[in-house]
Amino acid sequence: MAKKFIRRDSTRFSKLGKKRKNKQKWRGAKGRDNKIRENRKGYPKMPSLGYGKSRKEFGKIDGKIPVRVFNVKDVEKVGKDNIIIIGKIGAKKKMDVIKKAHEMKLKIFNIGGRK
């Protein structure tokens, strides 16, 4: 699991992310006397190159290579070492893709949504 970098004071104020996960995003420290920007001891670390994924894991989701799928024929081409990302398709075709992937026991990454 990658290190989670969150914004300064996100544990203090609601507008910065207190009890609101979608607001807890990294924003770079820019203030003159900001202790995080100065890399002071005892303060959270800033994101840097050393925290990235290894080359083997880069671009993968749960260790599997993502493949965009737009129809049922695309699902048949997908292998077991891949994870499906459903492209921009309608509700009817989306249901067909989900059924076919379920039959083939493939994992779909973005199955949620409005449709």
PDB file of N, CA and C in Angstrom:
ATOM      1  N   MET A   1       0.848  -1.184   0.000  1.00  0.00           N
ATOM      2  CA  MET A   1       0.000   0.000   0.000  1.00  0.00           C
ATOM      3  C   MET A   1       0.889   1.240   0.000  1.00  0.00           C
ATOM      4  N   ALA A   2       0.576   2.173  -0.843  1.00  0.00           N
ATOM      5  CA  ALA A   2       1.344   3.402  -0.945  1.00  0.00           C
ATOM      6  C   ALA A   2       1.051   4.317   0.238  1.00  0.00           C
ATOM      7  N   LYS A   3       2.022   5.149   0.568  1.00  0.00           N
ATOM      8  CA  LYS A   3       1.840   6.096   1.661  1.00  0.00           C
ATOM      9  C   LYS A   3       0.785   7.122   1.278  1.00  0.00           C
ATOM     10  N   LYS A   4      -0.092   7.439   2.230  1.00  0.00           N
ATOM     11  CA  LYS A   4      -1.182   8.385   1.987  1.00  0.00           C
ATOM     12  C   LYS A   4      -0.716   9.767   2.433  1.00  0.00           C
ATOM     13  N   PHE A   5      -0.631  10.693   1.504  1.00  0.00           N
ATOM     14  CA  PHE A   5      -0.262  12.064   1.818  1.00  0.00           C
ATOM     15  C   PHE A   5      -1.531  12.896   1.878  1.00  0.00           C
ATOM     16  N   ILE A   6      -1.773  13.525   3.017  1.00  0.00           N
ATOM     17  CA  ILE A   6      -2.958  14.368   3.132  1.00  0.00           C
ATOM     18  C   ILE A   6      -2.539  15.795   3.442  1.00  0.00           C
ATOM     19  N   ARG A   7      -3.442  16.702   3.189  1.00  0.00           N
ATOM     20  CA  ARG A   7      -3.200  18.128   3.316  1.00  0.00           C
ATOM     21  C   ARG A   7      -2.984  18.526   4.771  1.00  0.00           C
ATOM     22  N   ARG A   8      -2.184  19.539   4.984  1.00  0.00           N
ATOM     23  CA  ARG A   8      -1.959  20.069   6.315  1.00  0.00           C
ATOM     24  C   ARG A   8      -3.272  20.588   6.893  1.00  0.00           C
ATOM     25  N   ASP A   9      -3.521  20.343   8.183  1.00  0.00           N
ATOM     26  CA  ASP A   9      -4.729  20.748   8.914  1.00  0.00           C
ATOM     27  C   ASP A   9      -5.986  20.027   8.426  1.00  0.00           C
ATOM     28  N   SER A  10      -5.826  18.917   7.717  1.00  0.00           N
ATOM     29  CA  SER A  10      -7.013  18.180   7.271  1.00  0.00           C
ATOM     30  C   SER A  10      -7.691  17.459   8.428  1.00  0.00           C
ATOM     31  N   THR A  11      -7.027  17.379   9.566  1.00  0.00           N
ATOM     32  CA  THR A  11      -7.642  16.777  10.756  1.00  0.00           C
ATOM     33  C   THR A  11      -8.299  17.831  11.638  1.00  0.00           C
ATOM     34  N   ARG A  12      -8.161  19.102  11.276  1.00  0.00           N
ATOM     35  CA  ARG A  12      -8.711  20.183  12.096  1.00  0.00           C
ATOM     36  C   ARG A  12      -9.982  20.793  11.530  1.00  0.00           C
ATOM     37  N   PHE A  13     -10.030  20.990  10.224  1.00  0.00           N
ATOM     38  CA  PHE A  13     -11.129  21.723   9.620  1.00  0.00           C
ATOM     39  C   PHE A  13     -11.933  20.844   8.665  1.00  0.00           C
ATOM     40  N   SER A  14     -13.248  20.998   8.708  1.00  0.00           N
ATOM     41  CA  SER A  14     -14.136  20.212   7.854  1.00  0.00           C
ATOM     42  C   SER A  14     -13.889  20.505   6.375  1.00  0.00           C
ATOM     43  N   LYS A  15     -13.682  21.764   6.020  1.00  0.00           N
ATOM     44  CA  LYS A  15     -13.491  22.120   4.614  1.00  0.00           C
ATOM     45  C   LYS A  15     -12.187  21.571   4.038  1.00  0.00           C
ATOM     46  N   LEU A  16     -11.261  21.181   4.913  1.00  0.00           N
ATOM     47  CA  LEU A  16      -9.998  20.602   4.459  1.00  0.00           C
ATOM     48  C   LEU A  16      -9.985  19.083   4.568  1.00  0.00           C
ATOM     49  N   GLY A  17     -11.066  18.493   5.090  1.00  0.00           N
ATOM     50  CA  GLY A  17     -11.146  17.039   5.072  1.00  0.00           C
ATOM     51  C   GLY A  17     -11.408  16.346   6.386  1.00  0.00           C
ATOM     52  N   LYS A  18     -11.737  17.067   7.439  1.00  0.00           N
ATOM     53  CA  LYS A  18     -12.048  16.393   8.699  1.00  0.00           C
ATOM     54  C   LYS A  18     -13.366  15.640   8.538  1.00  0.00           C
ATOM     55  N   LYS A  19     -13.331  14.322   8.665  1.00  0.00           N
ATOM     56  CA  LYS A  19     -14.483  13.425   8.496  1.00  0.00           C
ATOM     57  C   LYS A  19     -15.068  13.492   7.078  1.00  0.00           C
ATOM     58  N   ARG A  20     -14.262  13.920   6.090  1.00  0.00           N
ATOM     59  CA  ARG A  20     -14.708  14.009   4.691  1.00  0.00           C
ATOM     60  C   ARG A  20     -13.578  13.496   3.797  1.00  0.00           C
ATOM     61  N   LYS A  21     -13.616  12.206   3.464  1.00  0.00           N
ATOM     62  CA  LYS A  21     -12.531  11.558   2.732  1.00  0.00           C
ATOM     63  C   LYS A  21     -12.250  12.201   1.375  1.00  0.00           C
ATOM     64  N   ASN A  22     -13.309  12.618   0.666  1.00  0.00           N
ATOM     65  CA  ASN A  22     -13.081  13.159  -0.671  1.00  0.00           C
ATOM     66  C   ASN A  22     -12.363  14.504  -0.645  1.00  0.00           C
ATOM     67  N   LYS A  23     -12.330  15.169   0.494  1.00  0.00           N
ATOM     68  CA  LYS A  23     -11.609  16.441   0.616  1.00  0.00           C
ATOM     69  C   LYS A  23     -10.157  16.233   1.044  1.00  0.00           C
ATOM     70  N   GLN A  24      -9.807  15.013   1.482  1.00  0.00           N
ATOM     71  CA  GLN A  24      -8.456  14.752   1.982  1.00  0.00           C
ATOM     72  C   GLN A  24      -7.510  14.497   0.814  1.00  0.00           C
ATOM     73  N   LYS A  25      -7.076  15.577   0.183  1.00  0.00           N
ATOM     74  CA  LYS A  25      -6.170  15.482  -0.949  1.00  0.00           C
ATOM     75  C   LYS A  25      -4.902  16.255  -0.633  1.00  0.00           C
ATOM     76  N   TRP A  26      -3.815  15.864  -1.274  1.00  0.00           N
ATOM     77  CA  TRP A  26      -2.570  16.579  -1.070  1.00  0.00           C
ATOM     78  C   TRP A  26      -2.588  17.890  -1.834  1.00  0.00           C
ATOM     79  N   ARG A  27      -2.256  18.956  -1.139  1.00  0.00           N
ATOM     80  CA  ARG A  27      -2.026  20.256  -1.763  1.00  0.00           C
ATOM     81  C   ARG A  27      -0.649  20.702  -1.295  1.00  0.00           C
ATOM     82  N   GLY A  28       0.147  21.144  -2.200  1.00  0.00           N
ATOM     83  CA  GLY A  28       1.517  21.511  -1.874  1.00  0.00           C
ATOM     84  C   GLY A  28       1.607  22.633  -0.858  1.00  0.00           C
ATOM     85  N   ALA A  29       2.585  22.522   0.046  1.00  0.00           N
ATOM     86  CA  ALA A  29       2.796  23.538   1.065  1.00  0.00           C
ATOM     87  C   ALA A  29       3.530  24.721   0.438  1.00  0.00           C
ATOM     88  N   LYS A  30       2.953  25.929   0.563  1.00  0.00           N
ATOM     89  CA  LYS A  30       3.529  27.097  -0.106  1.00  0.00           C
ATOM     90  C   LYS A  30       3.836  28.258   0.831  1.00  0.00           C
ATOM     91  N   GLY A  31       3.439  28.147   2.075  1.00  0.00           N
ATOM     92  CA  GLY A  31       3.609  29.265   2.995  1.00  0.00           C
ATOM     93  C   GLY A  31       5.060  29.557   3.343  1.00  0.00           C
ATOM     94  N   ARG A  32       5.334  30.784   3.732  1.00  0.00           N
ATOM     95  CA  ARG A  32       6.691  31.218   4.050  1.00  0.00           C
ATOM     96  C   ARG A  32       7.292  30.414   5.203  1.00  0.00           C
ATOM     97  N   ASP A  33       6.516  30.236   6.257  1.00  0.00           N
ATOM     98  CA  ASP A  33       7.018  29.553   7.447  1.00  0.00           C
ATOM     99  C   ASP A  33       6.443  28.146   7.598  1.00  0.00           C
ATOM    100  N   ASN A  34       5.974  27.551   6.525  1.00  0.00           N
ATOM    101  CA  ASN A  34       5.349  26.234   6.603  1.00  0.00           C
ATOM    102  C   ASN A  34       6.382  25.172   6.965  1.00  0.00           C
ATOM    103  N   LYS A  35       6.110  24.465   8.056  1.00  0.00           N
ATOM    104  CA  LYS A  35       7.076  23.486   8.577  1.00  0.00           C
ATOM    105  C   LYS A  35       7.167  22.249   7.682  1.00  0.00           C
ATOM    106  N   ILE A  36       6.075  21.912   7.022  1.00  0.00           N
ATOM    107  CA  ILE A  36       6.101  20.759   6.119  1.00  0.00           C
ATOM    108  C   ILE A  36       6.977  21.072   4.909  1.00  0.00           C
ATOM    109  N   ARG A  37       6.840  22.284   4.364  1.00  0.00           N
ATOM    110  CA  ARG A  37       7.658  22.695   3.218  1.00  0.00           C
ATOM    111  C   ARG A  37       9.135  22.724   3.576  1.00  0.00           C
ATOM    112  N   GLU A  38       9.421  23.104   4.811  1.00  0.00           N
ATOM    113  CA  GLU A  38      10.807  23.173   5.274  1.00  0.00           C
ATOM    114  C   GLU A  38      11.372  21.812   5.668  1.00  0.00           C
ATOM    115  N   ASN A  39      10.543  20.758   5.557  1.00  0.00           N
ATOM    116  CA  ASN A  39      10.941  19.387   5.909  1.00  0.00           C
ATOM    117  C   ASN A  39      11.441  19.287   7.343  1.00  0.00           C
ATOM    118  N   ARG A  40      10.715  19.921   8.256  1.00  0.00           N
ATOM    119  CA  ARG A  40      11.072  19.878   9.672  1.00  0.00           C
ATOM    120  C   ARG A  40      10.774  18.516  10.270  1.00  0.00           C
ATOM    121  N   LYS A  41      11.555  18.164  11.249  1.00  0.00           N
ATOM    122  CA  LYS A  41      11.386  16.903  11.963  1.00  0.00           C
ATOM    123  C   LYS A  41      10.078  16.937  12.759  1.00  0.00           C
ATOM    124  N   GLY A  42       9.330  15.831  12.760  1.00  0.00           N
ATOM    125  CA  GLY A  42       8.089  15.764  13.520  1.00  0.00           C
ATOM    126  C   GLY A  42       6.861  16.201  12.749  1.00  0.00           C
ATOM    127  N   TYR A  43       7.029  16.633  11.508  1.00  0.00           N
ATOM    128  CA  TYR A  43       5.909  17.052  10.672  1.00  0.00           C
ATOM    129  C   TYR A  43       5.740  16.053   9.525  1.00  0.00           C
ATOM    130  N   PRO A  44       4.558  16.006   8.920  1.00  0.00           N
ATOM    131  CA  PRO A  44       4.347  15.058   7.818  1.00  0.00           C
ATOM    132  C   PRO A  44       5.313  15.297   6.663  1.00  0.00           C
ATOM    133  N   LYS A  45       5.649  14.223   5.970  1.00  0.00           N
ATOM    134  CA  LYS A  45       6.549  14.320   4.823  1.00  0.00           C
ATOM    135  C   LYS A  45       5.784  14.766   3.580  1.00  0.00           C
ATOM    136  N   MET A  46       6.501  15.415   2.677  1.00  0.00           N
ATOM    137  CA  MET A  46       5.928  15.807   1.394  1.00  0.00           C
ATOM    138  C   MET A  46       6.143  14.672   0.394  1.00  0.00           C
ATOM    139  N   PRO A  47       5.273  14.538  -0.589  1.00  0.00           N
ATOM    140  CA  PRO A  47       5.484  13.519  -1.618  1.00  0.00           C
ATOM    141  C   PRO A  47       6.762  13.800  -2.398  1.00  0.00           C
ATOM    142  N   SER A  48       7.503  12.748  -2.688  1.00  0.00           N
ATOM    143  CA  SER A  48       8.712  12.887  -3.494  1.00  0.00           C
ATOM    144  C   SER A  48       8.907  11.604  -4.301  1.00  0.00           C
ATOM    145  N   LEU A  49       9.906  11.586  -5.153  1.00  0.00           N
ATOM    146  CA  LEU A  49      10.113  10.476  -6.075  1.00  0.00           C
ATOM    147  C   LEU A  49      10.296   9.128  -5.386  1.00  0.00           C
ATOM    148  N   GLY A  50      10.889   9.101  -4.227  1.00  0.00           N
ATOM    149  CA  GLY A  50      11.173   7.839  -3.546  1.00  0.00           C
ATOM    150  C   GLY A  50       9.949   7.066  -3.104  1.00  0.00           C
ATOM    151  N   TYR A  51       8.783   7.720  -3.036  1.00  0.00           N
ATOM    152  CA  TYR A  51       7.576   7.050  -2.566  1.00  0.00           C
ATOM    153  C   TYR A  51       6.805   6.353  -3.686  1.00  0.00           C
ATOM    154  N   GLY A  52       7.258   6.433  -4.913  1.00  0.00           N
ATOM    155  CA  GLY A  52       6.526   5.860  -6.042  1.00  0.00           C
ATOM    156  C   GLY A  52       6.555   4.344  -6.064  1.00  0.00           C
ATOM    157  N   LYS A  53       5.727   3.752  -6.935  1.00  0.00           N
ATOM    158  CA  LYS A  53       5.685   2.304  -7.095  1.00  0.00           C
ATOM    159  C   LYS A  53       6.912   1.837  -7.869  1.00  0.00           C
ATOM    160  N   SER A  54       7.217   0.548  -7.747  1.00  0.00           N
ATOM    161  CA  SER A  54       8.314  -0.018  -8.517  1.00  0.00           C
ATOM    162  C   SER A  54       7.881  -0.161  -9.981  1.00  0.00           C
ATOM    163  N   ARG A  55       8.827  -0.360 -10.870  1.00  0.00           N
ATOM    164  CA  ARG A  55       8.538  -0.459 -12.300  1.00  0.00           C
ATOM    165  C   ARG A  55       7.620  -1.645 -12.597  1.00  0.00           C
ATOM    166  N   LYS A  56       7.749  -2.730 -11.828  1.00  0.00           N
ATOM    167  CA  LYS A  56       6.917  -3.917 -12.057  1.00  0.00           C
ATOM    168  C   LYS A  56       5.453  -3.644 -11.721  1.00  0.00           C
ATOM    169  N   GLU A  57       5.209  -2.834 -10.701  1.00  0.00           N
ATOM    170  CA  GLU A  57       3.847  -2.538 -10.252  1.00  0.00           C
ATOM    171  C   GLU A  57       3.241  -1.329 -10.957  1.00  0.00           C
ATOM    172  N   PHE A  58       4.049  -0.521 -11.613  1.00  0.00           N
ATOM    173  CA  PHE A  58       3.592   0.738 -12.182  1.00  0.00           C
ATOM    174  C   PHE A  58       2.527   0.519 -13.248  1.00  0.00           C
ATOM    175  N   GLY A  59       1.398   1.226 -13.133  1.00  0.00           N
ATOM    176  CA  GLY A  59       0.323   1.137 -14.110  1.00  0.00           C
ATOM    177  C   GLY A  59      -0.627  -0.020 -13.894  1.00  0.00           C
ATOM    178  N   LYS A  60      -0.452  -0.788 -12.810  1.00  0.00           N
ATOM    179  CA  LYS A  60      -1.312  -1.938 -12.541  1.00  0.00           C
ATOM    180  C   LYS A  60      -2.311  -1.614 -11.444  1.00  0.00           C
ATOM    181  N   ILE A  61      -3.415  -2.362 -11.419  1.00  0.00           N
ATOM    182  CA  ILE A  61      -4.430  -2.240 -10.382  1.00  0.00           C
ATOM    183  C   ILE A  61      -4.526  -3.597  -9.707  1.00  0.00           C
ATOM    184  N   ASP A  62      -4.239  -3.657  -8.428  1.00  0.00           N
ATOM    185  CA  ASP A  62      -4.233  -4.921  -7.675  1.00  0.00           C
ATOM    186  C   ASP A  62      -3.334  -5.961  -8.338  1.00  0.00           C
ATOM    187  N   GLY A  63      -2.226  -5.522  -8.920  1.00  0.00           N
ATOM    188  CA  GLY A  63      -1.277  -6.431  -9.549  1.00  0.00           C
ATOM    189  C   GLY A  63      -1.697  -6.941 -10.919  1.00  0.00           C
ATOM    190  N   LYS A  64      -2.774  -6.394 -11.477  1.00  0.00           N
ATOM    191  CA  LYS A  64      -3.260  -6.831 -12.782  1.00  0.00           C
ATOM    192  C   LYS A  64      -3.248  -5.667 -13.765  1.00  0.00           C
ATOM    193  N   ILE A  65      -3.026  -5.990 -15.042  1.00  0.00           N
ATOM    194  CA  ILE A  65      -2.957  -4.968 -16.077  1.00  0.00           C
ATOM    195  C   ILE A  65      -4.377  -4.567 -16.481  1.00  0.00           C
ATOM    196  N   PRO A  66      -4.723  -3.274 -16.423  1.00  0.00           N
ATOM    197  CA  PRO A  66      -6.073  -2.849 -16.808  1.00  0.00           C
ATOM    198  C   PRO A  66      -6.274  -2.859 -18.324  1.00  0.00           C
ATOM    199  N   VAL A  67      -7.479  -3.271 -18.736  1.00  0.00           N
ATOM    200  CA  VAL A  67      -7.842  -3.311 -20.153  1.00  0.00           C
ATOM    201  C   VAL A  67      -9.187  -2.621 -20.311  1.00  0.00           C
ATOM    202  N   ARG A  68      -9.292  -1.665 -21.242  1.00  0.00           N
ATOM    203  CA  ARG A  68     -10.572  -0.987 -21.498  1.00  0.00           C
ATOM    204  C   ARG A  68     -11.420  -1.855 -22.411  1.00  0.00           C
ATOM    205  N   VAL A  69     -12.692  -1.972 -22.044  1.00  0.00           N
ATOM    206  CA  VAL A  69     -13.619  -2.832 -22.768  1.00  0.00           C
ATOM    207  C   VAL A  69     -14.809  -2.000 -23.225  1.00  0.00           C
ATOM    208  N   PHE A  70     -15.199  -2.166 -24.500  1.00  0.00           N
ATOM    209  CA  PHE A  70     -16.312  -1.409 -25.058  1.00  0.00           C
ATOM    210  C   PHE A  70     -17.465  -2.290 -25.521  1.00  0.00           C
ATOM    211  N   ASN A  71     -17.220  -3.608 -25.662  1.00  0.00           N
ATOM    212  CA  ASN A  71     -18.290  -4.522 -26.069  1.00  0.00           C
ATOM    213  C   ASN A  71     -17.958  -5.942 -25.622  1.00  0.00           C
ATOM    214  N   VAL A  72     -18.859  -6.874 -25.916  1.00  0.00           N
ATOM    215  CA  VAL A  72     -18.706  -8.261 -25.463  1.00  0.00           C
ATOM    216  C   VAL A  72     -17.513  -8.932 -26.143  1.00  0.00           C
ATOM    217  N   LYS A  73     -17.225  -8.583 -27.394  1.00  0.00           N
ATOM    218  CA  LYS A  73     -16.079  -9.166 -28.099  1.00  0.00           C
ATOM    219  C   LYS A  73     -14.765  -8.819 -27.404  1.00  0.00           C
ATOM    220  N   ASP A  74     -14.680  -7.596 -26.881  1.00  0.00           N
ATOM    221  CA  ASP A  74     -13.476  -7.193 -26.154  1.00  0.00           C
ATOM    222  C   ASP A  74     -13.300  -8.011 -24.880  1.00  0.00           C
ATOM    223  N   VAL A  75     -14.398  -8.384 -24.234  1.00  0.00           N
ATOM    224  CA  VAL A  75     -14.328  -9.172 -22.994  1.00  0.00           C
ATOM    225  C   VAL A  75     -13.756 -10.553 -23.278  1.00  0.00           C
ATOM    226  N   GLU A  76     -14.110 -11.132 -24.425  1.00  0.00           N
ATOM    227  CA  GLU A  76     -13.626 -12.467 -24.782  1.00  0.00           C
ATOM    228  C   GLU A  76     -12.115 -12.488 -25.000  1.00  0.00           C
ATOM    229  N   LYS A  77     -11.533 -11.358 -25.373  1.00  0.00           N
ATOM    230  CA  LYS A  77     -10.090 -11.275 -25.616  1.00  0.00           C
ATOM    231  C   LYS A  77      -9.278 -11.123 -24.331  1.00  0.00           C
ATOM    232  N   VAL A  78      -9.942 -10.722 -23.237  1.00  0.00           N
ATOM    233  CA  VAL A  78      -9.248 -10.430 -21.980  1.00  0.00           C
ATOM    234  C   VAL A  78      -8.803 -11.723 -21.311  1.00  0.00           C
ATOM    235  N   GLY A  79      -7.566 -11.711 -20.771  1.00  0.00           N
ATOM    236  CA  GLY A  79      -7.031 -12.880 -20.079  1.00  0.00           C
ATOM    237  C   GLY A  79      -7.229 -12.799 -18.574  1.00  0.00           C
ATOM    238  N   LYS A  80      -6.791 -13.842 -17.878  1.00  0.00           N
ATOM    239  CA  LYS A  80      -6.958 -13.919 -16.420  1.00  0.00           C
ATOM    240  C   LYS A  80      -6.054 -12.923 -15.679  1.00  0.00           C
ATOM    241  N   ASP A  81      -4.942 -12.519 -16.299  1.00  0.00           N
ATOM    242  CA  ASP A  81      -4.007 -11.606 -15.640  1.00  0.00           C
ATOM    243  C   ASP A  81      -4.388 -10.142 -15.847  1.00  0.00           C
ATOM    244  N   ASN A  82      -5.591  -9.897 -16.371  1.00  0.00           N
ATOM    245  CA  ASN A  82      -6.045  -8.531 -16.625  1.00  0.00           C
ATOM    246  C   ASN A  82      -7.238  -8.177 -15.753  1.00  0.00           C
ATOM    247  N   ILE A  83      -7.469  -6.884 -15.596  1.00  0.00           N
ATOM    248  CA  ILE A  83      -8.639  -6.375 -14.888  1.00  0.00           C
ATOM    249  C   ILE A  83      -9.393  -5.481 -15.867  1.00  0.00           C
ATOM    250  N   ILE A  84     -10.719  -5.585 -15.865  1.00  0.00           N
ATOM    251  CA  ILE A  84     -11.527  -4.883 -16.861  1.00  0.00           C
ATOM    252  C   ILE A  84     -11.904  -3.488 -16.378  1.00  0.00           C
ATOM    253  N   ILE A  85     -11.759  -2.519 -17.269  1.00  0.00           N
ATOM    254  CA  ILE A  85     -12.283  -1.177 -17.045  1.00  0.00           C
ATOM    255  C   ILE A  85     -13.293  -0.931 -18.160  1.00  0.00           C
ATOM    256  N   ILE A  86     -14.550  -0.767 -17.791  1.00  0.00           N
ATOM    257  CA  ILE A  86     -15.600  -0.580 -18.786  1.00  0.00           C
ATOM    258  C   ILE A  86     -15.498   0.823 -19.364  1.00  0.00           C
ATOM    259  N   GLY A  87     -15.486   0.906 -20.701  1.00  0.00           N
ATOM    260  CA  GLY A  87     -15.390   2.186 -21.389  1.00  0.00           C
ATOM    261  C   GLY A  87     -16.712   2.921 -21.389  1.00  0.00           C
ATOM    262  N   LYS A  88     -16.795   3.939 -22.205  1.00  0.00           N
ATOM    263  CA  LYS A  88     -17.987   4.783 -22.270  1.00  0.00           C
ATOM    264  C   LYS A  88     -19.038   4.100 -23.142  1.00  0.00           C
ATOM    265  N   ILE A  89     -19.933   3.331 -22.488  1.00  0.00           N
ATOM    266  CA  ILE A  89     -20.977   2.608 -23.202  1.00  0.00           C
ATOM    267  C   ILE A  89     -22.309   2.793 -22.493  1.00  0.00           C
ATOM    268  N   GLY A  90     -23.388   2.443 -23.186  1.00  0.00           N
ATOM    269  CA  GLY A  90     -24.726   2.586 -22.625  1.00  0.00           C
ATOM    270  C   GLY A  90     -25.048   1.507 -21.609  1.00  0.00           C
ATOM    271  N   ALA A  91     -26.195   1.653 -20.954  1.00  0.00           N
ATOM    272  CA  ALA A  91     -26.597   0.750 -19.876  1.00  0.00           C
ATOM    273  C   ALA A  91     -26.850  -0.666 -20.386  1.00  0.00           C
ATOM    274  N   LYS A  92     -27.473  -0.794 -21.551  1.00  0.00           N
ATOM    275  CA  LYS A  92     -27.812  -2.113 -22.094  1.00  0.00           C
ATOM    276  C   LYS A  92     -26.549  -2.922 -22.407  1.00  0.00           C
ATOM    277  N   LYS A  93     -25.623  -2.293 -23.112  1.00  0.00           N
ATOM    278  CA  LYS A  93     -24.383  -2.971 -23.472  1.00  0.00           C
ATOM    279  C   LYS A  93     -23.517  -3.220 -22.234  1.00  0.00           C
ATOM    280  N   LYS A  94     -23.610  -2.310 -21.277  1.00  0.00           N
ATOM    281  CA  LYS A  94     -22.851  -2.457 -20.036  1.00  0.00           C
ATOM    282  C   LYS A  94     -23.296  -3.711 -19.278  1.00  0.00           C
ATOM    283  N   MET A  95     -24.605  -3.963 -19.239  1.00  0.00           N
ATOM    284  CA  MET A  95     -25.125  -5.158 -18.566  1.00  0.00           C
ATOM    285  C   MET A  95     -24.646  -6.429 -19.267  1.00  0.00           C
ATOM    286  N   ASP A  96     -24.593  -6.416 -20.609  1.00  0.00           N
ATOM    287  CA  ASP A  96     -24.093  -7.572 -21.359  1.00  0.00           C
ATOM    288  C   ASP A  96     -22.622  -7.834 -21.038  1.00  0.00           C
ATOM    289  N   VAL A  97     -21.835  -6.769 -20.962  1.00  0.00           N
ATOM    290  CA  VAL A  97     -20.412  -6.893 -20.644  1.00  0.00           C
ATOM    291  C   VAL A  97     -20.228  -7.453 -19.234  1.00  0.00           C
ATOM    292  N   ILE A  98     -21.020  -6.974 -18.280  1.00  0.00           N
ATOM    293  CA  ILE A  98     -20.917  -7.437 -16.895  1.00  0.00           C
ATOM    294  C   ILE A  98     -21.278  -8.920 -16.791  1.00  0.00           C
ATOM    295  N   LYS A  99     -22.335  -9.341 -17.485  1.00  0.00           N
ATOM    296  CA  LYS A  99     -22.737 -10.756 -17.466  1.00  0.00           C
ATOM    297  C   LYS A  99     -21.642 -11.650 -18.035  1.00  0.00           C
ATOM    298  N   LYS A 100     -21.071 -11.236 -19.169  1.00  0.00           N
ATOM    299  CA  LYS A 100     -20.022 -12.031 -19.817  1.00  0.00           C
ATOM    300  C   LYS A 100     -18.778 -12.116 -18.936  1.00  0.00           C
ATOM    301  N   ALA A 101     -18.414 -11.012 -18.307  1.00  0.00           N
ATOM    302  CA  ALA A 101     -17.248 -11.003 -17.417  1.00  0.00           C
ATOM    303  C   ALA A 101     -17.496 -11.887 -16.198  1.00  0.00           C
ATOM    304  N   HIS A 102     -18.727 -11.888 -15.704  1.00  0.00           N
ATOM    305  CA  HIS A 102     -19.081 -12.730 -14.557  1.00  0.00           C
ATOM    306  C   HIS A 102     -18.989 -14.215 -14.921  1.00  0.00           C
ATOM    307  N   GLU A 103     -19.427 -14.569 -16.143  1.00  0.00           N
ATOM    308  CA  GLU A 103     -19.321 -15.953 -16.615  1.00  0.00           C
ATOM    309  C   GLU A 103     -17.863 -16.392 -16.713  1.00  0.00           C
ATOM    310  N   MET A 104     -17.007 -15.481 -17.193  1.00  0.00           N
ATOM    311  CA  MET A 104     -15.589 -15.798 -17.358  1.00  0.00           C
ATOM    312  C   MET A 104     -14.796 -15.622 -16.065  1.00  0.00           C
ATOM    313  N   LYS A 105     -15.466 -15.195 -14.995  1.00  0.00           N
ATOM    314  CA  LYS A 105     -14.866 -14.977 -13.670  1.00  0.00           C
ATOM    315  C   LYS A 105     -13.742 -13.947 -13.726  1.00  0.00           C
ATOM    316  N   LEU A 106     -14.010 -12.838 -14.410  1.00  0.00           N
ATOM    317  CA  LEU A 106     -13.065 -11.728 -14.505  1.00  0.00           C
ATOM    318  C   LEU A 106     -13.510 -10.607 -13.579  1.00  0.00           C
ATOM    319  N   LYS A 107     -12.551  -9.866 -13.062  1.00  0.00           N
ATOM    320  CA  LYS A 107     -12.852  -8.769 -12.153  1.00  0.00           C
ATOM    321  C   LYS A 107     -13.052  -7.483 -12.951  1.00  0.00           C
ATOM    322  N   ILE A 108     -14.090  -6.718 -12.575  1.00  0.00           N
ATOM    323  CA  ILE A 108     -14.363  -5.424 -13.205  1.00  0.00           C
ATOM    324  C   ILE A 108     -14.036  -4.340 -12.191  1.00  0.00           C
ATOM    325  N   PHE A 109     -13.228  -3.380 -12.602  1.00  0.00           N
ATOM    326  CA  PHE A 109     -12.757  -2.349 -11.673  1.00  0.00           C
ATOM    327  C   PHE A 109     -13.801  -1.278 -11.406  1.00  0.00           C
ATOM    328  N   ASN A 110     -14.454  -0.759 -12.437  1.00  0.00           N
ATOM    329  CA  ASN A 110     -15.366   0.377 -12.272  1.00  0.00           C
ATOM    330  C   ASN A 110     -16.813  -0.023 -12.538  1.00  0.00           C
ATOM    331  N   ILE A 111     -17.289  -1.003 -11.802  1.00  0.00           N
ATOM    332  CA  ILE A 111     -18.653  -1.503 -12.010  1.00  0.00           C
ATOM    333  C   ILE A 111     -19.697  -0.556 -11.427  1.00  0.00           C
ATOM    334  N   GLY A 112     -19.345   0.229 -10.437  1.00  0.00           N
ATOM    335  CA  GLY A 112     -20.293   1.148  -9.813  1.00  0.00           C
ATOM    336  C   GLY A 112     -20.632   2.308 -10.724  1.00  0.00           C
ATOM    337  N   GLY A 113     -21.574   3.124 -10.305  1.00  0.00           N
ATOM    338  CA  GLY A 113     -21.939   4.288 -11.088  1.00  0.00           C
ATOM    339  C   GLY A 113     -23.434   4.462 -11.145  1.00  0.00           C
ATOM    340  N   ARG A 114     -23.873   5.326 -12.051  1.00  0.00           N
ATOM    341  CA  ARG A 114     -25.292   5.642 -12.161  1.00  0.00           C
ATOM    342  C   ARG A 114     -26.073   4.592 -12.931  1.00  0.00           C
ATOM    343  N   LYS A 115     -25.407   3.840 -13.809  1.00  0.00           N
ATOM    344  CA  LYS A 115     -26.134   2.891 -14.660  1.00  0.00           C
ATOM    345  C   LYS A 115     -26.243   1.532 -14.006  1.00  0.00           C
TER     346      LYS A 115
END
